[in-house]
Amino acid sequence: MPKSKSPSQQGIDLASRFREEHLLGTGPIDDINGLMKLVDADFIILELPSGLDALTLRDPSSGALTVGIGTSSNPYRQRFTVAHEIGHIMAGDITEDGAALRCDSTHPSETRANTFARCVLCPTEALHALSQTSPQEELLSDVVQSFQVSPIVAAIQLCAAGVISEEAKEELKNYSTKRLASQFGWKANYDHAARISKLPRASERLVADAYKAYDQGLVALPSVAFAEQVNIEEVLDSTGDEQRPSNNEHTGSDDIEADLADFFSDE
C-alpha cells in the first residue's frame, strides 16, 4: 500500500493543480484580487485583532464562505495570507458546521496551506532558468520584486528550484523586503503597495452583486452603501443617480442586512 503524501507535497500538488486549472502558467500573479476571484468566497480586507492575520467562516445554512484578511503594512505578507487561506479552502479544511478556521501552526494543514501559498505565488518552475552565477542578493531581489513574496518565501523557492544552496537559503532568509527594495531601487513601488495593503476593502463580488441588485430595483441605495462600506453620497457619486425607490424601503441597519440577505439567498 503506497505511503500517503506529506503535507508539503500535498501543498505542492494542490498549487500545481490550481495553477493548471485556472491557466495561470508559471508567471507572477500581479494582482492578488485576481486570485481571490478564482475562489468561491467573499474576501474582505479589514482590521483584525493583533496576532490574527485572517479568519475564514462558512455560513452553516448556505455554505457560503467569507474570508477576512487583516490590513497590513507588509503587502507581501498580506498576499501570502490570502494565498494561505485559499490553500485551506482548496484542501477542504473549512468545516461544514459554520465554525471559524483559526490557524494552528502545529497542524499538518498549516504546512500544506503554507506550501500551497509559496508554490502558487512563486512556482519553482519559473525559477529553474535563473542564472546561478548572478549575485545572490540581486537574484533574491529580482524574485521578491517580480513575484511579490517575502525574502523567506523567495529563498525557500530558489533553493527548492536548485538555484541556490541550503546554506545560501538560510542566509538570504534574513533579508528584509525594505532592505532589498531600497538597495535595488524599487522602494517606491513597495511603498505604494504598502499603502494599499493598509486599507480596508469590501468584498468585490458582494459589492458588484449589490450594484447589480440596485440597478434591478431589488435593493435600496443604503444597502449598496452598506455592502461597499461607504456612505450613500459616495455611491451616488459612483452611479451618477438620484436615489431611486426599490421594492424594499428599508433604511435601518437591521433592515439593510435583511434586504441584502433576501437578495443573495436567491443565488
Protein backbone atom coordinates (compact mmCIF):
# COMPACT_ATOMS: atom_id res chain seq x y z
CA MET A 1 0.00 0.00 0.00
CA PRO A 2 1.59 3.34 -1.06
CA LYS A 3 2.54 5.77 1.67
CA SER A 4 0.40 8.88 1.90
CA LYS A 5 1.97 12.11 0.72
CA SER A 6 3.42 14.55 3.21
CA PRO A 7 1.54 17.81 3.89
CA SER A 8 4.28 19.69 2.00
CA GLN A 9 3.89 17.50 -1.09
CA GLN A 10 0.12 17.84 -0.85
CA GLY A 11 0.56 21.63 -0.89
CA ILE A 12 2.86 21.45 -3.92
CA ASP A 13 0.41 19.25 -5.82
CA LEU A 14 -2.56 21.41 -4.85
CA ALA A 15 -0.83 24.59 -6.05
CA SER A 16 0.18 22.93 -9.31
CA ARG A 17 -3.38 21.78 -9.98
CA PHE A 18 -4.78 25.19 -9.06
CA ARG A 19 -2.46 26.99 -11.49
CA GLU A 20 -3.16 24.45 -14.21
CA GLU A 21 -6.94 24.52 -13.79
CA HIS A 22 -7.00 28.33 -13.93
CA LEU A 23 -4.45 28.62 -16.75
CA LEU A 24 -2.08 30.68 -14.63
CA GLY A 25 1.08 29.30 -16.19
CA THR A 26 4.19 29.85 -14.10
CA GLY A 27 4.40 33.64 -14.18
CA PRO A 28 3.89 36.09 -11.31
CA ILE A 29 0.39 36.90 -10.05
CA ASP A 30 0.49 40.67 -10.30
CA ASP A 31 -2.92 41.39 -8.78
CA ILE A 32 -3.89 39.35 -5.72
CA ASN A 33 -7.52 40.37 -6.30
CA GLY A 34 -7.43 38.25 -9.44
CA LEU A 35 -6.52 35.24 -7.34
CA MET A 36 -9.39 35.93 -4.96
CA LYS A 37 -11.85 35.93 -7.85
CA LEU A 38 -10.90 32.36 -8.76
CA VAL A 39 -12.33 31.08 -5.46
CA ASP A 40 -16.00 30.80 -4.50
CA ALA A 41 -15.68 33.02 -1.43
CA ASP A 42 -16.08 36.64 -0.38
CA PHE A 43 -12.76 38.21 0.63
CA ILE A 44 -12.89 41.26 2.91
CA ILE A 45 -9.86 43.28 3.99
CA LEU A 46 -10.46 44.64 7.48
CA GLU A 47 -8.76 45.43 10.76
CA LEU A 48 -8.36 42.27 12.83
CA PRO A 49 -7.15 41.83 16.41
CA SER A 50 -3.40 41.83 16.93
CA GLY A 51 -1.87 38.46 16.13
CA LEU A 52 -4.72 37.40 13.84
CA ASP A 53 -3.90 37.63 10.12
CA ALA A 54 -7.06 36.03 8.78
CA LEU A 55 -10.33 34.37 9.71
CA THR A 56 -12.43 32.16 7.42
CA LEU A 57 -16.09 31.42 8.12
CA ARG A 58 -18.65 29.17 6.44
CA ASP A 59 -22.33 30.05 6.72
CA PRO A 60 -23.96 26.90 8.16
CA SER A 61 -27.20 27.42 6.22
CA SER A 62 -25.96 28.49 2.79
CA GLY A 63 -22.44 27.07 2.85
CA ALA A 64 -21.11 30.44 1.65
CA LEU A 65 -17.53 31.24 2.61
CA THR A 66 -16.31 34.60 3.89
CA VAL A 67 -12.60 35.24 4.33
CA GLY A 68 -11.47 38.15 6.47
CA ILE A 69 -7.90 39.26 5.74
CA GLY A 70 -6.23 41.68 8.12
CA THR A 71 -4.99 45.07 6.97
CA SER A 72 -1.21 45.14 7.00
CA SER A 73 1.79 47.38 6.48
CA ASN A 74 3.50 44.40 4.84
CA PRO A 75 1.84 43.89 1.44
CA TYR A 76 3.71 40.70 0.59
CA ARG A 77 2.74 39.08 3.88
CA GLN A 78 -0.87 40.02 3.16
CA ARG A 79 -0.63 38.40 -0.29
CA PHE A 80 0.76 35.26 1.32
CA THR A 81 -2.10 35.26 3.84
CA VAL A 82 -4.66 35.43 1.01
CA ALA A 83 -2.97 32.52 -0.78
CA HIS A 84 -2.71 30.60 2.50
CA GLU A 85 -6.46 30.89 3.11
CA ILE A 86 -7.16 29.81 -0.47
CA GLY A 87 -4.98 26.78 0.21
CA HIS A 88 -7.20 25.88 3.18
CA ILE A 89 -10.31 26.29 1.03
CA MET A 90 -8.97 24.20 -1.84
CA ALA A 91 -7.89 21.45 0.58
CA GLY A 92 -11.35 21.32 2.15
CA ASP A 93 -10.14 22.41 5.57
CA ILE A 94 -13.16 24.63 6.29
CA THR A 95 -15.76 22.78 8.32
CA GLU A 96 -19.34 22.47 7.14
CA ASP A 97 -20.86 23.46 10.50
CA GLY A 98 -20.06 27.15 10.23
CA ALA A 99 -17.14 27.09 12.66
CA ALA A 100 -14.35 29.58 12.04
CA LEU A 101 -10.99 28.36 10.85
CA ARG A 102 -8.32 29.61 13.21
CA CYS A 103 -4.86 28.59 12.11
CA ASP A 104 -2.92 26.25 14.39
CA SER A 105 0.75 26.36 13.39
CA THR A 106 1.32 22.84 14.70
CA HIS A 107 -1.33 21.22 12.47
CA PRO A 108 -0.34 19.47 9.20
CA SER A 109 -2.99 21.51 7.38
CA GLU A 110 -0.91 24.62 8.15
CA THR A 111 2.14 23.11 6.49
CA ARG A 112 0.00 22.23 3.47
CA ALA A 113 -1.54 25.73 3.26
CA ASN A 114 1.86 27.42 3.67
CA THR A 115 3.37 25.25 0.95
CA PHE A 116 0.39 25.93 -1.33
CA ALA A 117 0.82 29.67 -0.81
CA ARG A 118 4.54 29.58 -1.59
CA CYS A 119 4.08 27.48 -4.70
CA VAL A 120 1.02 29.24 -6.08
CA LEU A 121 2.62 32.69 -5.68
CA CYS A 122 6.15 31.71 -6.71
CA PRO A 123 6.31 28.41 -8.63
CA THR A 124 9.71 26.71 -8.66
CA GLU A 125 9.19 26.00 -12.36
CA ALA A 126 9.54 29.72 -13.02
CA LEU A 127 12.93 29.85 -11.26
CA HIS A 128 14.82 26.99 -12.91
CA ALA A 129 16.14 29.18 -15.70
CA LEU A 130 17.57 31.87 -13.43
CA SER A 131 21.31 32.36 -13.62
CA GLN A 132 23.17 30.69 -10.78
CA THR A 133 26.12 32.98 -11.45
CA SER A 134 24.23 36.17 -10.61
CA PRO A 135 24.99 37.79 -7.23
CA GLN A 136 22.68 36.12 -4.73
CA GLU A 137 21.37 39.38 -3.25
CA GLU A 138 20.42 40.57 -6.72
CA LEU A 139 18.79 37.23 -7.51
CA LEU A 140 16.78 37.39 -4.30
CA SER A 141 15.70 40.97 -5.02
CA ASP A 142 14.53 40.05 -8.53
CA VAL A 143 12.37 37.18 -7.26
CA VAL A 144 10.95 39.16 -4.33
CA GLN A 145 10.07 42.08 -6.61
CA SER A 146 8.73 40.04 -9.52
CA PHE A 147 6.63 37.58 -7.54
CA GLN A 148 5.79 39.96 -4.66
CA VAL A 149 6.72 37.47 -1.96
CA SER A 150 8.82 37.84 1.17
CA PRO A 151 12.56 37.11 1.11
CA ILE A 152 11.89 33.99 3.19
CA VAL A 153 9.48 32.61 0.59
CA ALA A 154 11.79 33.61 -2.27
CA ALA A 155 14.81 31.96 -0.63
CA ILE A 156 12.91 28.73 0.04
CA GLN A 157 11.65 28.55 -3.52
CA LEU A 158 15.04 29.37 -5.02
CA CYS A 159 16.55 26.53 -3.00
CA ALA A 160 13.75 24.15 -3.95
CA ALA A 161 14.39 25.02 -7.61
CA GLY A 162 18.07 24.15 -7.20
CA VAL A 163 19.23 27.70 -7.92
CA ILE A 164 20.84 28.29 -4.51
CA SER A 165 22.25 26.05 -1.80
CA GLU A 166 20.77 25.29 1.60
CA GLU A 167 23.43 27.50 3.18
CA ALA A 168 22.56 30.39 0.88
CA LYS A 169 18.88 29.90 1.63
CA GLU A 170 19.44 30.27 5.36
CA GLU A 171 21.50 33.43 4.80
CA LEU A 172 19.06 35.06 2.38
CA LYS A 173 16.04 34.35 4.63
CA ASN A 174 17.39 37.00 6.99
CA TYR A 175 16.98 39.84 4.49
CA SER A 176 14.05 42.25 4.77
CA THR A 177 11.93 43.33 1.85
CA LYS A 178 12.53 47.00 2.67
CA ARG A 179 16.29 46.50 2.59
CA LEU A 180 16.14 44.81 -0.82
CA ALA A 181 13.72 47.41 -2.19
CA SER A 182 15.97 50.27 -1.06
CA GLN A 183 19.20 48.62 -2.14
CA PHE A 184 17.97 47.74 -5.64
CA GLY A 185 15.88 50.83 -6.38
CA TRP A 186 12.26 49.66 -6.24
CA LYS A 187 11.23 51.02 -2.84
CA ALA A 188 8.72 53.46 -4.34
CA ASN A 189 6.77 50.53 -5.80
CA TYR A 190 6.92 48.68 -2.49
CA ASP A 191 5.76 51.73 -0.53
CA HIS A 192 2.81 52.14 -2.90
CA ALA A 193 1.81 48.50 -2.32
CA ALA A 194 2.16 49.00 1.43
CA ARG A 195 -0.23 51.97 1.38
CA ILE A 196 -2.86 49.85 -0.38
CA SER A 197 -2.47 46.87 1.95
CA LYS A 198 -3.23 49.09 4.95
CA LEU A 199 -6.68 50.00 3.60
CA PRO A 200 -9.86 48.09 4.50
CA ARG A 201 -11.70 46.85 1.41
CA ALA A 202 -15.12 45.32 0.92
CA SER A 203 -15.69 42.10 -1.00
CA GLU A 204 -15.53 42.88 -4.73
CA ARG A 205 -18.05 40.15 -5.51
CA LEU A 206 -20.52 41.29 -2.88
CA VAL A 207 -20.26 44.93 -3.97
CA ALA A 208 -20.70 44.05 -7.65
CA ASP A 209 -23.78 41.97 -6.86
CA ALA A 210 -25.20 44.74 -4.66
CA TYR A 211 -24.87 47.28 -7.50
CA LYS A 212 -26.50 44.80 -9.88
CA ALA A 213 -29.39 44.35 -7.46
CA TYR A 214 -29.71 48.12 -7.13
CA ASP A 215 -29.83 48.55 -10.92
CA GLN A 216 -32.64 45.99 -10.98
CA GLY A 217 -34.52 47.85 -8.26
CA LEU A 218 -34.23 44.94 -5.86
CA VAL A 219 -32.36 46.70 -3.05
CA ALA A 220 -32.23 50.28 -1.84
CA LEU A 221 -29.27 52.62 -2.04
CA PRO A 222 -28.41 52.28 1.69
CA SER A 223 -27.98 48.55 1.12
CA VAL A 224 -25.38 49.21 -1.58
CA ALA A 225 -23.56 51.62 0.70
CA PHE A 226 -23.64 49.04 3.48
CA ALA A 227 -22.16 46.34 1.22
CA GLU A 228 -19.41 48.69 -0.01
CA GLN A 229 -18.83 50.10 3.50
CA VAL A 230 -19.09 53.70 2.27
CA ASN A 231 -21.63 56.48 2.74
CA ILE A 232 -24.60 56.99 0.45
CA GLU A 233 -23.07 60.13 -1.09
CA GLU A 234 -20.14 58.08 -2.39
CA VAL A 235 -22.50 55.59 -4.01
CA LEU A 236 -24.46 58.40 -5.61
CA ASP A 237 -21.22 59.87 -6.91
CA SER A 238 -20.31 56.49 -8.42
CA THR A 239 -23.67 55.90 -10.07
CA GLY A 240 -24.49 59.47 -11.04
CA ASP A 241 -28.06 58.75 -9.96
CA GLU A 242 -30.51 60.31 -7.63
CA GLN A 243 -31.65 57.78 -5.04
CA ARG A 244 -34.21 55.50 -6.63
CA PRO A 245 -37.01 53.72 -4.81
CA SER A 246 -36.79 49.95 -4.52
CA ASN A 247 -39.19 47.17 -3.72
CA ASN A 248 -37.94 47.48 -0.11
CA GLU A 249 -37.83 50.87 1.55
CA HIS A 250 -35.60 49.77 4.44
CA THR A 251 -33.17 52.22 5.95
CA GLY A 252 -32.25 50.76 9.36
CA SER A 253 -29.09 48.68 9.65
CA ASP A 254 -31.02 45.52 10.54
CA ASP A 255 -33.35 46.03 7.59
CA ILE A 256 -30.44 46.74 5.27
CA GLU A 257 -28.83 43.44 6.21
CA ALA A 258 -32.18 41.70 5.68
CA ASP A 259 -32.53 43.48 2.34
CA LEU A 260 -29.20 42.07 1.15
CA ALA A 261 -29.81 38.68 2.71
CA ASP A 262 -33.12 38.34 0.86
CA PHE A 263 -31.47 39.10 -2.44
CA PHE A 264 -28.41 36.90 -2.06
CA SER A 265 -30.37 33.97 -0.67
CA ASP A 266 -31.87 33.52 -4.16
CA GLU A 267 -28.44 32.84 -5.72
